[in-house]
Amino acid sequence: MYTVYILYSSKTNKYYIGSTNDIQARIRHHNCGATPSTKSGAPLWVIKYTEIQPDKSAARKRELEIKNKKSRKYIEFLISSAG
């Protein structure tokens, strides 16, 4: 199983979308500053949304679908709809 996730950093007021097969390890990786695209928001990244996908291919496809919307409104809609 793979997880598509949306992180939020209050430090930068930005969201980050990704996918992984180990969400806990991935959030630690983001928060230690090891990922160049999220380094500026570390160590304050928090998980705001997750979506389970059956495999890596499906997760990557969904991740790109969300990213291609290029819409903060859409991201916030997903987060709010997850309850």
C-alpha atoms as a PDB file:
ATOM      1  CA  MET A   1       0.000   0.000   0.000  1.00  0.00           C
ATOM      2  CA  TYR A   2       1.128   3.532  -0.771  1.00  0.00           C
ATOM      3  CA  THR A   3      -0.005   6.811   0.713  1.00  0.00           C
ATOM      4  CA  VAL A   4      -0.517  10.091  -1.102  1.00  0.00           C
ATOM      5  CA  TYR A   5      -0.069  12.868   1.443  1.00  0.00           C
ATOM      6  CA  ILE A   6      -0.324  16.602   1.842  1.00  0.00           C
ATOM      7  CA  LEU A   7       1.923  18.321   4.354  1.00  0.00           C
ATOM      8  CA  TYR A   8       1.635  21.862   5.660  1.00  0.00           C
ATOM      9  CA  SER A   9       4.291  24.076   7.209  1.00  0.00           C
ATOM     10  CA  SER A  10       3.145  27.031   9.301  1.00  0.00           C
ATOM     11  CA  LYS A  11       6.712  28.346   9.035  1.00  0.00           C
ATOM     12  CA  THR A  12       6.347  28.927   5.270  1.00  0.00           C
ATOM     13  CA  ASN A  13       2.534  28.793   4.969  1.00  0.00           C
ATOM     14  CA  LYS A  14       2.962  26.239   2.172  1.00  0.00           C
ATOM     15  CA  TYR A  15       1.657  22.804   1.276  1.00  0.00           C
ATOM     16  CA  TYR A  16       3.658  19.899  -0.099  1.00  0.00           C
ATOM     17  CA  ILE A  17       2.195  16.896  -1.923  1.00  0.00           C
ATOM     18  CA  GLY A  18       3.984  13.568  -2.086  1.00  0.00           C
ATOM     19  CA  SER A  19       3.592   9.800  -1.974  1.00  0.00           C
ATOM     20  CA  THR A  20       5.327   7.039  -0.059  1.00  0.00           C
ATOM     21  CA  ASN A  21       5.039   3.507   1.253  1.00  0.00           C
ATOM     22  CA  ASP A  22       6.154   4.614   4.758  1.00  0.00           C
ATOM     23  CA  ILE A  23       4.451   7.838   5.825  1.00  0.00           C
ATOM     24  CA  GLN A  24       6.122   8.058   9.252  1.00  0.00           C
ATOM     25  CA  ALA A  25       9.636   7.728   7.842  1.00  0.00           C
ATOM     26  CA  ARG A  26       8.813  10.227   5.115  1.00  0.00           C
ATOM     27  CA  ILE A  27       7.546  12.908   7.520  1.00  0.00           C
ATOM     28  CA  ARG A  28      10.709  12.492   9.601  1.00  0.00           C
ATOM     29  CA  HIS A  29      12.743  12.912   6.414  1.00  0.00           C
ATOM     30  CA  HIS A  30      10.923  16.143   5.548  1.00  0.00           C
ATOM     31  CA  ASN A  31      11.241  17.496   9.078  1.00  0.00           C
ATOM     32  CA  CYS A  32      14.973  16.895   9.364  1.00  0.00           C
ATOM     33  CA  GLY A  33      15.553  19.062   6.291  1.00  0.00           C
ATOM     34  CA  ALA A  34      16.762  16.217   4.068  1.00  0.00           C
ATOM     35  CA  THR A  35      14.406  17.037   1.188  1.00  0.00           C
ATOM     36  CA  PRO A  36      15.510  20.144  -0.748  1.00  0.00           C
ATOM     37  CA  SER A  37      11.976  21.209  -1.686  1.00  0.00           C
ATOM     38  CA  THR A  38      10.753  21.137   1.919  1.00  0.00           C
ATOM     39  CA  LYS A  39      13.910  22.155   3.766  1.00  0.00           C
ATOM     40  CA  SER A  40      12.728  25.748   4.320  1.00  0.00           C
ATOM     41  CA  GLY A  41       9.623  24.538   6.168  1.00  0.00           C
ATOM     42  CA  ALA A  42      11.417  22.123   8.486  1.00  0.00           C
ATOM     43  CA  PRO A  43      10.935  21.107  11.220  1.00  0.00           C
ATOM     44  CA  LEU A  44       7.304  22.220  11.191  1.00  0.00           C
ATOM     45  CA  TRP A  45       5.736  19.997   8.513  1.00  0.00           C
ATOM     46  CA  VAL A  46       2.525  18.317   9.645  1.00  0.00           C
ATOM     47  CA  ILE A  47       0.352  15.804   7.806  1.00  0.00           C
ATOM     48  CA  LYS A  48      -2.935  17.416   6.786  1.00  0.00           C
ATOM     49  CA  TYR A  49      -4.293  14.804   4.376  1.00  0.00           C
ATOM     50  CA  THR A  50      -3.664  11.200   3.371  1.00  0.00           C
ATOM     51  CA  GLU A  51      -5.125   8.939   0.726  1.00  0.00           C
ATOM     52  CA  ILE A  52      -4.329   5.219   0.438  1.00  0.00           C
ATOM     53  CA  GLN A  53      -3.511   3.832  -3.004  1.00  0.00           C
ATOM     54  CA  PRO A  54      -2.983   0.162  -3.912  1.00  0.00           C
ATOM     55  CA  ASP A  55       0.484   0.532  -5.451  1.00  0.00           C
ATOM     56  CA  LYS A  56       3.278   2.939  -6.324  1.00  0.00           C
ATOM     57  CA  SER A  57       1.970   3.606  -9.814  1.00  0.00           C
ATOM     58  CA  ALA A  58      -1.521   4.563  -8.611  1.00  0.00           C
ATOM     59  CA  ALA A  59      -0.046   6.724  -5.846  1.00  0.00           C
ATOM     60  CA  ARG A  60       2.227   8.579  -8.237  1.00  0.00           C
ATOM     61  CA  LYS A  61      -0.642   9.115 -10.672  1.00  0.00           C
ATOM     62  CA  ARG A  62      -2.848  10.570  -7.914  1.00  0.00           C
ATOM     63  CA  GLU A  63       0.005  12.717  -6.579  1.00  0.00           C
ATOM     64  CA  LEU A  64       0.521  14.229 -10.033  1.00  0.00           C
ATOM     65  CA  GLU A  65      -3.224  14.723 -10.439  1.00  0.00           C
ATOM     66  CA  ILE A  66      -3.308  16.846  -7.284  1.00  0.00           C
ATOM     67  CA  LYS A  67      -0.123  18.737  -8.203  1.00  0.00           C
ATOM     68  CA  ASN A  68      -1.358  19.461 -11.729  1.00  0.00           C
ATOM     69  CA  LYS A  69      -4.401  21.282 -10.356  1.00  0.00           C
ATOM     70  CA  LYS A  70      -1.925  23.968  -9.183  1.00  0.00           C
ATOM     71  CA  SER A  71      -4.596  25.129  -6.779  1.00  0.00           C
ATOM     72  CA  ARG A  72      -4.327  25.918  -3.098  1.00  0.00           C
ATOM     73  CA  LYS A  73      -8.150  25.993  -3.045  1.00  0.00           C
ATOM     74  CA  TYR A  74      -8.295  22.403  -4.298  1.00  0.00           C
ATOM     75  CA  ILE A  75      -5.739  21.276  -1.707  1.00  0.00           C
ATOM     76  CA  GLU A  76      -7.697  22.977   1.060  1.00  0.00           C
ATOM     77  CA  PHE A  77     -10.914  21.425  -0.280  1.00  0.00           C
ATOM     78  CA  LEU A  78      -9.337  17.943  -0.060  1.00  0.00           C
ATOM     79  CA  ILE A  79      -8.167  18.621   3.495  1.00  0.00           C
ATOM     80  CA  SER A  80     -11.548  19.944   4.623  1.00  0.00           C
ATOM     81  CA  SER A  81     -13.453  17.093   2.968  1.00  0.00           C
ATOM     82  CA  ALA A  82     -11.356  14.507   4.816  1.00  0.00           C
ATOM     83  CA  GLY A  83     -12.971  15.714   8.050  1.00  0.00           C
END
